[in-house]
Amino acid sequence: MSVFLWEGETANGKKVKGQMEAMTSQQVYNALRGQRINPNIKKIREKGALDKEIRLLPKRKRKVKLKDLVVFTRQFATMIDAGLPLVQGLDVLGKQNENPTMREVLLDVKEQVQSGGTLADGLRQHPKIFDELFTNMIDAGEAGGVLDVVLQRMAEYLEKSDKLRRQIKTAMIYPGVVVSAAILVTSILLIFVIPTFADLFNGFGAALPAPTRIVIAMSNFMLGYWYLIFGSMFGSVYFFRKFAATDRGKETIHPLALKVPVFGDLIRKVAVARFSRTLSTMISSGVPILEALNICARTSGNRVVEREITRVRISISEGKSITEPLEGSQIFPGMVVSMIGVGEQTGAMDAMLGKIADFYEDEVDNAVNGLKQLIEPLMILVLGGLIGGLVIAMYLPIFKLGSVIE
C-alpha cells in the first residue's frame, strides 16, 4: 500500500486536492474519476515509511524537448503497429534514446508496465513530460485497442502544435528584436558618440540649438544614471513576467492582450486553431467530450478562452448543445460556431474540427507573414528616425557655425 498526493478540478471547475492510500496510482485515478474529479497524481511514500516526499527521478540533466517527444511517439506507434509488446518497445526506445532524461523516464515506465500497470498509468507519473492530453489519449487508445492509431494521431498533433508554437514565437520575437536594436543603437550613440560632440561644442562659446541641448542632456543623464535606467528596464521585464504568471496577472493581462491591434487578432486565431486541433484529436481517439473539453480549457493559454471553453463544457454536462454558449463569443467567430454545429448534428465533429484547425493554422501562418512585412519597413522607419534625429541634432551647431563663417 502506498500514499498518493493528488490535486485536480471538479466538473464545475473548482480546484481540490488531497491524499489517498492505494496499491497503484491507477486505483486513485479511477476513484477520483468516479467522483468527477480530473486529477494529477504523485506518489509521496510507501505506507509506514518516513513521512517525507521522495523523488521519482534524480535531478534532470537535460530537458525533454517537443522534438524528442514526437520522435518517441512515432517510433513507438510503428513498433506497436508491428506487433511488438509494450514492454519490449519501451525497453528498446529507452535504451537507444540519446536524451538521458527521456531514457530514464521510458525505462521507469517500462518497469511500471512490467509490474502490471497500464501504459497511461506509467506515463502519468511523469506529468512534466507527458501532459494530460497525452496520457488521456493513451488511456483511450489502450481501452479501445487502437493504441498504434492513437499514437500516430498524437505524433501528428504534436508536430502541428510545434509548428503553431514556432509561428507564435516568430510573431513575438520580431518586434522584440526591433525594440532591442533601437535601444542598443540609441544607447551606444548617447554613451560613446554624443559626449565627443559635446566636448567639441563647449569650445564654441555660443548658445546651442534646442535639439542639440536636449540630446546632450539625454547623454549626460545616460552617463550619470545608466545603472538606474538599465536596472529599471530589466526589473520591469522581470516583475512583469512574475506578475503575468500569477492568477491575478492572467486575469488582468489576458483580456487586454485580445484588444491589442494586430496581435489581438493573431491571438484569437491561435486560440481557435489550438482548440479545434486538440478537441478533434481527442474526440477521434475516443476521449469523452467532457474530459476533452476540460483539457482544452486547461491548455488554452488564455483565461478568456478558458472561461468560454468551460462554459461549453458546463452546457454539454447539462444536456445542451455545444453551440449555444459559443454564440456571440468574442473568441470563436460565427463561421466556426456554425461549422461546429453542423459537425455536432451530423456526428462528424472530429472531422469538422480538423477542417477548422487546418483553416486557422493557415490563417495564423498568413498573419505572421503579414506581420513580418509590416514590421520590416517599420523597423527601418524607427531606427532611421532615431539615428537620423540624433545625428541632425548634433550637426545643427556645425551648420550654424558654417553659415556664420560665410
Protein backbone atom coordinates (compact mmCIF):
# COMPACT_ATOMS: atom_id res chain seq x y z
CA MET A 1 0.00 0.00 0.00
CA SER A 2 1.27 3.45 -0.93
CA VAL A 3 0.24 7.03 -0.21
CA PHE A 4 -0.57 9.28 -3.18
CA LEU A 5 -0.90 13.05 -3.24
CA TRP A 6 -3.41 14.39 -5.77
CA GLU A 7 -4.84 17.68 -6.96
CA GLY A 8 -7.36 18.43 -9.68
CA GLU A 9 -10.62 20.07 -10.70
CA THR A 10 -14.25 19.09 -10.25
CA ALA A 11 -16.78 19.13 -13.08
CA ASN A 12 -17.63 22.73 -12.08
CA GLY A 13 -14.00 23.85 -12.33
CA LYS A 14 -13.38 24.00 -8.57
CA LYS A 15 -9.77 23.20 -7.57
CA VAL A 16 -9.44 20.40 -4.98
CA LYS A 17 -6.58 18.36 -3.54
CA GLY A 18 -5.85 15.65 -1.03
CA GLN A 19 -4.12 12.32 -0.44
CA MET A 20 -5.21 8.70 -0.68
CA GLU A 21 -3.88 5.26 0.17
CA ALA A 22 -3.96 2.67 -2.63
CA MET A 23 -1.94 -0.08 -4.28
CA THR A 24 -1.39 1.85 -7.53
CA SER A 25 -1.95 5.37 -8.85
CA GLN A 26 -4.49 3.91 -11.30
CA GLN A 27 -6.74 2.95 -8.38
CA VAL A 28 -6.53 6.54 -7.11
CA TYR A 29 -7.26 7.87 -10.58
CA ASN A 30 -10.29 5.60 -11.03
CA ALA A 31 -11.66 6.51 -7.60
CA LEU A 32 -11.33 10.25 -8.25
CA ARG A 33 -12.79 9.98 -11.77
CA GLY A 34 -15.76 8.27 -10.15
CA GLN A 35 -16.19 11.49 -8.15
CA ARG A 36 -15.97 13.50 -11.42
CA ILE A 37 -12.56 14.89 -10.48
CA ASN A 38 -9.83 15.19 -13.11
CA PRO A 39 -6.64 14.65 -11.06
CA ASN A 40 -2.86 14.87 -11.24
CA ILE A 41 -1.40 12.15 -9.01
CA LYS A 42 2.00 11.86 -7.35
CA LYS A 43 3.32 9.06 -5.16
CA ILE A 44 4.85 10.50 -1.99
CA ARG A 45 5.74 7.47 0.15
CA GLU A 46 5.15 3.84 0.98
CA LYS A 47 2.81 3.32 3.91
CA GLY A 48 4.86 3.11 7.09
CA ALA A 49 7.90 4.80 5.56
CA LEU A 50 9.31 8.09 6.70
CA ASP A 51 6.83 10.92 6.24
CA LYS A 52 8.69 12.78 3.58
CA GLU A 53 8.35 13.22 -0.15
CA ILE A 54 10.60 11.11 -2.35
CA ARG A 55 11.65 12.00 -5.86
CA LEU A 56 10.60 9.64 -8.64
CA LEU A 57 13.58 10.72 -10.72
CA PRO A 58 17.01 12.12 -9.95
CA LYS A 59 17.75 15.68 -10.87
CA ARG A 60 17.30 16.08 -14.59
CA LYS A 61 20.39 16.96 -16.52
CA ARG A 62 18.67 17.67 -19.81
CA LYS A 63 15.26 18.98 -20.77
CA VAL A 64 12.97 16.83 -22.89
CA LYS A 65 12.08 18.86 -25.98
CA LEU A 66 8.93 18.52 -28.03
CA LYS A 67 11.03 17.06 -30.84
CA ASP A 68 12.14 14.20 -28.53
CA LEU A 69 8.51 13.50 -27.67
CA VAL A 70 7.44 13.47 -31.34
CA VAL A 71 10.24 11.05 -32.30
CA PHE A 72 9.36 8.72 -29.40
CA THR A 73 5.64 8.79 -30.26
CA ARG A 74 6.20 7.98 -33.95
CA GLN A 75 8.70 5.20 -33.23
CA PHE A 76 6.51 3.69 -30.53
CA ALA A 77 3.46 3.77 -32.85
CA THR A 78 5.45 1.90 -35.52
CA MET A 79 6.56 -0.74 -33.01
CA ILE A 80 3.03 -1.29 -31.65
CA ASP A 81 1.64 -1.49 -35.21
CA ALA A 82 4.27 -4.14 -35.99
CA GLY A 83 3.05 -6.25 -33.06
CA LEU A 84 5.93 -5.59 -30.65
CA PRO A 85 4.91 -5.95 -26.96
CA LEU A 86 4.66 -2.74 -24.91
CA VAL A 87 7.45 -3.70 -22.51
CA GLN A 88 9.85 -4.62 -25.29
CA GLY A 89 9.07 -1.46 -27.25
CA LEU A 90 9.66 0.76 -24.21
CA ASP A 91 12.88 -1.10 -23.43
CA VAL A 92 14.26 -0.64 -26.96
CA LEU A 93 13.29 3.04 -27.21
CA GLY A 94 14.54 3.76 -23.70
CA LYS A 95 17.97 2.20 -24.19
CA GLN A 96 18.59 3.82 -27.59
CA ASN A 97 17.32 7.29 -26.66
CA GLU A 98 20.08 9.92 -26.78
CA ASN A 99 18.38 12.17 -24.20
CA PRO A 100 19.37 10.80 -20.75
CA THR A 101 16.22 12.18 -19.10
CA MET A 102 13.92 10.62 -21.70
CA ARG A 103 15.87 7.37 -21.47
CA GLU A 104 15.39 7.20 -17.71
CA VAL A 105 11.70 8.07 -17.95
CA LEU A 106 10.97 5.41 -20.58
CA LEU A 107 12.79 2.71 -18.62
CA ASP A 108 10.86 3.75 -15.50
CA VAL A 109 7.57 3.49 -17.44
CA LYS A 110 8.68 0.06 -18.72
CA GLU A 111 9.19 -1.15 -15.14
CA GLN A 112 5.71 0.03 -14.16
CA VAL A 113 4.07 -1.65 -17.18
CA GLN A 114 6.07 -4.83 -16.48
CA SER A 115 4.73 -4.76 -12.90
CA GLY A 116 1.14 -4.91 -14.17
CA GLY A 117 0.26 -1.23 -14.54
CA THR A 118 -1.17 0.34 -17.67
CA LEU A 119 0.90 2.42 -20.06
CA ALA A 120 -1.20 5.51 -19.27
CA ASP A 121 -0.68 4.91 -15.55
CA GLY A 122 3.10 4.78 -16.05
CA LEU A 123 3.15 7.93 -18.17
CA ARG A 124 1.08 9.84 -15.59
CA GLN A 125 3.97 9.50 -13.15
CA HIS A 126 5.90 11.97 -15.31
CA PRO A 127 3.47 14.89 -15.88
CA LYS A 128 6.22 17.34 -16.87
CA ILE A 129 6.88 15.27 -19.99
CA PHE A 130 3.54 13.56 -20.70
CA ASP A 131 0.72 16.04 -20.12
CA GLU A 132 -2.99 15.32 -19.53
CA LEU A 133 -3.75 15.36 -23.25
CA PHE A 134 -1.11 12.73 -23.98
CA THR A 135 -1.99 10.40 -21.10
CA ASN A 136 -5.76 10.61 -21.66
CA MET A 137 -5.35 9.76 -25.32
CA ILE A 138 -3.10 6.80 -24.43
CA ASP A 139 -5.73 5.69 -21.89
CA ALA A 140 -8.45 5.84 -24.57
CA GLY A 141 -6.22 4.02 -27.07
CA GLU A 142 -5.50 1.21 -24.60
CA ALA A 143 -9.18 0.84 -23.71
CA GLY A 144 -10.21 0.74 -27.37
CA GLY A 145 -7.39 -1.49 -28.57
CA VAL A 146 -6.20 1.14 -31.05
CA LEU A 147 -3.04 2.31 -29.31
CA ASP A 148 -0.99 2.44 -32.53
CA VAL A 149 -3.61 4.64 -34.26
CA VAL A 150 -3.80 6.98 -31.26
CA LEU A 151 -0.01 7.28 -31.11
CA GLN A 152 0.09 8.22 -34.81
CA ARG A 153 -2.59 10.88 -34.24
CA MET A 154 -0.71 12.15 -31.21
CA ALA A 155 2.52 12.46 -33.20
CA GLU A 156 0.73 14.42 -35.94
CA TYR A 157 -0.89 16.64 -33.30
CA LEU A 158 2.45 17.34 -31.61
CA GLU A 159 4.09 18.21 -34.94
CA LYS A 160 1.31 20.66 -35.84
CA SER A 161 1.37 22.12 -32.32
CA ASP A 162 5.13 22.63 -32.62
CA LYS A 163 4.67 24.41 -35.95
CA LEU A 164 1.99 26.66 -34.42
CA ARG A 165 4.22 27.40 -31.41
CA ARG A 166 7.12 28.35 -33.67
CA GLN A 167 4.85 30.68 -35.65
CA ILE A 168 3.78 32.41 -32.43
CA LYS A 169 7.39 32.78 -31.31
CA THR A 170 8.31 34.29 -34.68
CA ALA A 171 5.48 36.79 -34.39
CA MET A 172 6.51 37.80 -30.86
CA ILE A 173 10.29 37.78 -31.30
CA TYR A 174 10.35 40.07 -34.32
CA PRO A 175 9.01 43.19 -32.53
CA GLY A 176 11.31 42.42 -29.60
CA VAL A 177 14.33 42.39 -31.90
CA VAL A 178 13.28 45.76 -33.37
CA VAL A 179 12.87 47.37 -29.95
CA SER A 180 16.14 45.85 -28.66
CA ALA A 181 18.06 47.07 -31.70
CA ALA A 182 16.62 50.58 -31.31
CA ILE A 183 17.57 50.68 -27.60
CA LEU A 184 21.08 49.32 -28.28
CA VAL A 185 21.88 51.77 -31.11
CA THR A 186 20.50 54.74 -29.18
CA SER A 187 22.43 53.79 -26.05
CA ILE A 188 25.72 53.47 -27.99
CA LEU A 189 25.23 56.88 -29.58
CA LEU A 190 24.30 58.56 -26.28
CA ILE A 191 27.14 56.97 -24.28
CA PHE A 192 30.05 56.97 -26.74
CA VAL A 193 29.34 59.36 -29.62
CA ILE A 194 27.37 62.30 -28.22
CA PRO A 195 29.91 63.13 -25.41
CA THR A 196 32.61 63.66 -28.08
CA PHE A 197 30.45 66.22 -29.85
CA ALA A 198 29.51 67.82 -26.51
CA ASP A 199 33.20 68.42 -25.69
CA LEU A 200 33.68 69.97 -29.12
CA PHE A 201 30.68 72.28 -28.75
CA ASN A 202 31.83 73.51 -25.32
CA GLY A 203 34.59 75.46 -27.08
CA PHE A 204 32.17 77.32 -29.36
CA GLY A 205 31.15 79.80 -26.68
CA ALA A 206 27.74 80.22 -28.31
CA ALA A 207 24.24 79.10 -27.44
CA LEU A 208 23.45 75.69 -28.88
CA PRO A 209 20.18 74.91 -30.70
CA ALA A 210 17.40 73.42 -28.56
CA PRO A 211 17.52 69.92 -30.19
CA THR A 212 21.28 69.74 -29.52
CA ARG A 213 20.85 70.76 -25.88
CA ILE A 214 18.15 68.12 -25.42
CA VAL A 215 20.34 65.35 -26.90
CA ILE A 216 23.35 66.40 -24.77
CA ALA A 217 21.14 66.41 -21.65
CA MET A 218 19.94 62.90 -22.53
CA SER A 219 23.55 61.78 -22.97
CA ASN A 220 24.60 63.27 -19.61
CA PHE A 221 21.66 61.59 -17.89
CA MET A 222 22.54 58.25 -19.51
CA LEU A 223 26.19 58.56 -18.43
CA GLY A 224 25.28 59.52 -14.88
CA TYR A 225 22.40 57.11 -14.27
CA TRP A 226 22.93 54.25 -16.75
CA TYR A 227 22.69 51.68 -13.95
CA LEU A 228 19.28 53.01 -12.90
CA ILE A 229 18.00 53.08 -16.48
CA PHE A 230 19.06 49.56 -17.40
CA GLY A 231 18.22 48.27 -13.92
CA SER A 232 14.68 49.63 -14.16
CA MET A 233 14.29 48.17 -17.66
CA PHE A 234 15.38 44.68 -16.63
CA GLY A 235 13.47 44.98 -13.36
CA SER A 236 10.27 45.94 -15.18
CA VAL A 237 10.58 42.95 -17.51
CA TYR A 238 11.30 40.61 -14.59
CA PHE A 239 8.38 41.80 -12.43
CA PHE A 240 6.03 41.86 -15.41
CA ARG A 241 6.82 38.22 -16.14
CA LYS A 242 6.34 37.34 -12.46
CA PHE A 243 3.02 39.19 -12.36
CA ALA A 244 1.89 37.61 -15.65
CA ALA A 245 2.46 34.15 -14.13
CA THR A 246 0.05 34.82 -11.22
CA ASP A 247 -3.72 34.29 -11.36
CA ARG A 248 -4.34 37.99 -10.87
CA GLY A 249 -1.87 38.83 -13.63
CA LYS A 250 -3.51 36.41 -16.06
CA GLU A 251 -6.95 37.83 -15.28
CA THR A 252 -5.62 41.33 -15.99
CA ILE A 253 -3.31 40.75 -18.96
CA HIS A 254 -5.12 38.08 -20.99
CA PRO A 255 -8.25 40.16 -21.74
CA LEU A 256 -6.06 43.15 -22.63
CA ALA A 257 -3.93 41.02 -24.96
CA LEU A 258 -7.01 40.29 -27.07
CA LYS A 259 -7.56 44.04 -27.59
CA VAL A 260 -4.03 44.84 -28.82
CA PRO A 261 -4.12 45.88 -32.51
CA VAL A 262 -2.87 43.18 -34.91
CA PHE A 263 -1.67 40.90 -32.08
CA GLY A 264 -5.15 40.53 -30.56
CA ASP A 265 -6.49 39.11 -33.83
CA LEU A 266 -3.49 36.77 -34.05
CA ILE A 267 -4.11 35.51 -30.50
CA ARG A 268 -7.75 34.74 -31.38
CA LYS A 269 -6.74 32.77 -34.46
CA VAL A 270 -4.16 30.81 -32.48
CA ALA A 271 -6.77 30.06 -29.78
CA VAL A 272 -9.30 28.76 -32.34
CA ALA A 273 -6.64 26.67 -34.13
CA ARG A 274 -5.33 25.15 -30.89
CA PHE A 275 -8.82 24.42 -29.50
CA SER A 276 -10.02 22.84 -32.76
CA ARG A 277 -6.92 20.71 -33.25
CA THR A 278 -6.83 19.48 -29.63
CA LEU A 279 -10.55 18.67 -29.42
CA SER A 280 -10.54 16.99 -32.85
CA THR A 281 -7.59 14.77 -31.93
CA MET A 282 -9.07 13.74 -28.58
CA ILE A 283 -12.59 13.03 -29.86
CA SER A 284 -11.27 10.96 -32.77
CA SER A 285 -9.16 8.98 -30.29
CA GLY A 286 -12.14 8.10 -28.10
CA VAL A 287 -11.62 10.52 -25.19
CA PRO A 288 -15.00 11.51 -23.65
CA ILE A 289 -16.01 15.00 -24.78
CA LEU A 290 -16.37 16.44 -21.25
CA GLU A 291 -12.88 15.29 -20.33
CA ALA A 292 -11.55 16.54 -23.68
CA LEU A 293 -13.09 19.98 -23.14
CA ASN A 294 -11.63 20.14 -19.63
CA ILE A 295 -8.14 19.52 -21.06
CA CYS A 296 -8.74 22.03 -23.89
CA ALA A 297 -9.65 24.67 -21.31
CA ARG A 298 -6.59 23.96 -19.15
CA THR A 299 -4.22 24.10 -22.13
CA SER A 300 -5.79 27.11 -23.90
CA GLY A 301 -3.14 29.56 -22.67
CA ASN A 302 -5.61 32.43 -22.19
CA ARG A 303 -8.08 32.94 -19.34
CA VAL A 304 -10.77 34.39 -21.62
CA VAL A 305 -10.58 31.35 -23.90
CA GLU A 306 -10.51 29.04 -20.86
CA ARG A 307 -13.73 30.58 -19.49
CA GLU A 308 -15.51 30.20 -22.83
CA ILE A 309 -14.49 26.54 -23.18
CA THR A 310 -15.55 25.91 -19.57
CA ARG A 311 -18.98 27.37 -20.37
CA VAL A 312 -19.22 24.95 -23.30
CA ARG A 313 -18.32 22.05 -21.00
CA ILE A 314 -20.95 23.04 -18.42
CA SER A 315 -23.53 23.45 -21.19
CA ILE A 316 -22.89 19.93 -22.51
CA SER A 317 -22.94 18.45 -18.99
CA GLU A 318 -26.42 19.97 -18.59
CA GLY A 319 -27.59 18.31 -21.81
CA LYS A 320 -27.47 21.42 -24.00
CA SER A 321 -25.87 21.96 -27.41
CA ILE A 322 -22.18 22.79 -27.81
CA THR A 323 -23.01 25.81 -29.97
CA GLU A 324 -25.32 27.62 -27.52
CA PRO A 325 -22.60 29.03 -25.22
CA LEU A 326 -20.40 29.89 -28.24
CA GLU A 327 -22.96 32.18 -29.90
CA GLY A 328 -21.85 35.81 -29.55
CA SER A 329 -18.40 34.67 -28.43
CA GLN A 330 -15.55 37.18 -28.59
CA ILE A 331 -13.13 34.35 -29.47
CA PHE A 332 -14.97 31.97 -31.78
CA PRO A 333 -16.33 33.60 -34.98
CA GLY A 334 -19.82 32.82 -36.28
CA MET A 335 -18.42 30.68 -39.09
CA VAL A 336 -16.62 28.44 -36.58
CA VAL A 337 -19.73 28.12 -34.40
CA SER A 338 -21.84 27.18 -37.45
CA MET A 339 -19.32 24.55 -38.59
CA ILE A 340 -19.16 23.04 -35.09
CA GLY A 341 -22.97 22.96 -35.05
CA VAL A 342 -23.05 21.09 -38.37
CA GLY A 343 -20.43 18.64 -37.09
CA GLU A 344 -22.48 18.07 -33.93
CA GLN A 345 -25.68 17.39 -35.90
CA THR A 346 -24.03 15.07 -38.44
CA GLY A 347 -21.90 13.16 -35.92
CA ALA A 348 -18.70 14.25 -37.65
CA MET A 349 -17.46 16.65 -35.00
CA ASP A 350 -13.84 15.47 -35.14
CA ALA A 351 -13.63 15.87 -38.94
CA MET A 352 -15.24 19.32 -38.85
CA LEU A 353 -12.92 20.48 -36.06
CA GLY A 354 -9.95 19.20 -38.08
CA LYS A 355 -11.02 21.33 -41.05
CA ILE A 356 -11.41 24.38 -38.80
CA ALA A 357 -7.94 23.75 -37.35
CA ASP A 358 -6.40 23.45 -40.84
CA PHE A 359 -8.03 26.71 -41.93
CA TYR A 360 -6.98 28.71 -38.89
CA GLU A 361 -3.45 27.31 -38.86
CA ASP A 362 -3.12 28.67 -42.41
CA GLU A 363 -4.62 31.95 -41.18
CA VAL A 364 -2.00 32.16 -38.42
CA ASP A 365 0.74 31.48 -40.98
CA ASN A 366 -0.57 34.27 -43.23
CA ALA A 367 -0.94 36.63 -40.27
CA VAL A 368 2.65 36.03 -39.17
CA ASN A 369 3.96 36.62 -42.70
CA GLY A 370 1.89 39.80 -42.91
CA LEU A 371 3.27 40.95 -39.57
CA LYS A 372 6.82 40.46 -40.84
CA GLN A 373 6.07 42.56 -43.92
CA LEU A 374 4.56 45.26 -41.70
CA ILE A 375 7.41 45.33 -39.20
CA GLU A 376 10.30 45.41 -41.68
CA PRO A 377 9.52 48.94 -43.01
CA LEU A 378 8.52 50.00 -39.51
CA MET A 379 11.93 48.88 -38.23
CA ILE A 380 13.68 50.93 -40.91
CA LEU A 381 11.48 53.92 -40.10
CA VAL A 382 12.05 53.72 -36.33
CA LEU A 383 15.80 53.10 -36.45
CA GLY A 384 16.26 55.67 -39.23
CA GLY A 385 14.23 58.24 -37.32
CA LEU A 386 16.15 57.71 -34.07
CA ILE A 387 19.62 57.72 -35.59
CA GLY A 388 18.78 60.47 -38.07
CA GLY A 389 17.30 62.65 -35.33
CA LEU A 390 20.36 62.29 -33.12
CA VAL A 391 22.76 62.99 -36.00
CA ILE A 392 20.86 66.06 -37.17
CA ALA A 393 20.65 67.41 -33.62
CA MET A 394 24.44 67.10 -33.21
CA TYR A 395 25.25 68.62 -36.61
CA LEU A 396 22.96 71.64 -36.20
CA PRO A 397 25.65 73.70 -34.37
CA ILE A 398 28.17 72.85 -37.12
CA PHE A 399 25.72 74.00 -39.79
CA LYS A 400 25.10 77.19 -37.82
CA LEU A 401 28.83 77.79 -37.48
CA GLY A 402 29.30 77.31 -41.22
CA SER A 403 26.63 79.89 -42.02
CA VAL A 404 28.25 82.42 -39.65
CA ILE A 405 31.67 81.95 -41.32
CA GLU A 406 30.17 82.53 -44.77
